[in-house]
Amino acid sequence: MLHYAVVFLVIALIAAVFGFGGIAASAVGIAKILFVIFIVLAIASFLMGLLKK
């Protein structure tokens, strides 16, 4: 999940450099959503690990 967020961030940076503002904004939005999902799943996994012990 984190890998895809970084990939979309790189796509956004490249699109911004070449002047494609709409594509860059969309890619940043997708990267933000994927990063938030990654954080939520990481925290849930951490808490489940603590509860199992």
Protein backbone atom coordinates (compact mmCIF):
# COMPACT_ATOMS: atom_id res chain seq x y z
CA MET A 1 0.00 0.00 0.00
CA LEU A 2 2.79 2.39 0.91
CA HIS A 3 4.57 1.46 -2.32
CA TYR A 4 1.58 2.57 -4.41
CA ALA A 5 1.31 5.83 -2.48
CA VAL A 6 4.95 6.61 -3.26
CA VAL A 7 4.46 5.66 -6.92
CA PHE A 8 1.51 8.05 -7.26
CA LEU A 9 3.50 10.78 -5.51
CA VAL A 10 6.36 10.35 -8.01
CA ILE A 11 3.87 10.43 -10.90
CA ALA A 12 2.44 13.65 -9.47
CA LEU A 13 5.88 15.23 -9.20
CA ILE A 14 6.78 14.29 -12.77
CA ALA A 15 3.42 15.55 -14.06
CA ALA A 16 3.86 18.83 -12.18
CA VAL A 17 7.32 19.34 -13.65
CA PHE A 18 5.94 18.91 -17.16
CA GLY A 19 2.99 21.21 -16.48
CA PHE A 20 0.13 18.74 -16.25
CA GLY A 21 -1.60 20.29 -13.25
CA GLY A 22 -4.80 18.26 -13.42
CA ILE A 23 -3.02 14.94 -13.57
CA ALA A 24 -0.67 16.02 -10.78
CA ALA A 25 -3.58 17.02 -8.54
CA SER A 26 -5.36 13.73 -9.16
CA ALA A 27 -2.24 11.70 -8.48
CA VAL A 28 -1.60 13.59 -5.24
CA GLY A 29 -5.18 12.96 -4.15
CA ILE A 30 -4.83 9.24 -4.79
CA ALA A 31 -1.47 9.17 -2.99
CA LYS A 32 -3.02 10.87 0.07
CA ILE A 33 -5.89 8.37 0.18
CA LEU A 34 -3.54 5.40 -0.11
CA PHE A 35 -1.26 6.80 2.59
CA VAL A 36 -4.18 7.27 4.99
CA ILE A 37 -5.36 3.71 4.32
CA PHE A 38 -1.81 2.47 4.98
CA ILE A 39 -1.63 4.35 8.30
CA VAL A 40 -5.03 3.03 9.43
CA LEU A 41 -4.10 -0.56 8.56
CA ALA A 42 -0.68 -0.24 10.21
CA ILE A 43 -2.21 1.07 13.44
CA ALA A 44 -4.89 -1.65 13.39
CA SER A 45 -2.23 -4.31 12.86
CA PHE A 46 -0.14 -2.89 15.70
CA LEU A 47 -3.10 -2.85 18.09
CA MET A 48 -4.15 -6.38 17.16
CA GLY A 49 -0.58 -7.53 17.84
CA LEU A 50 -0.68 -5.93 21.28
CA LEU A 51 -4.05 -7.50 22.10
CA LYS A 52 -2.89 -10.98 21.08
CA LYS A 53 -0.12 -11.03 23.70
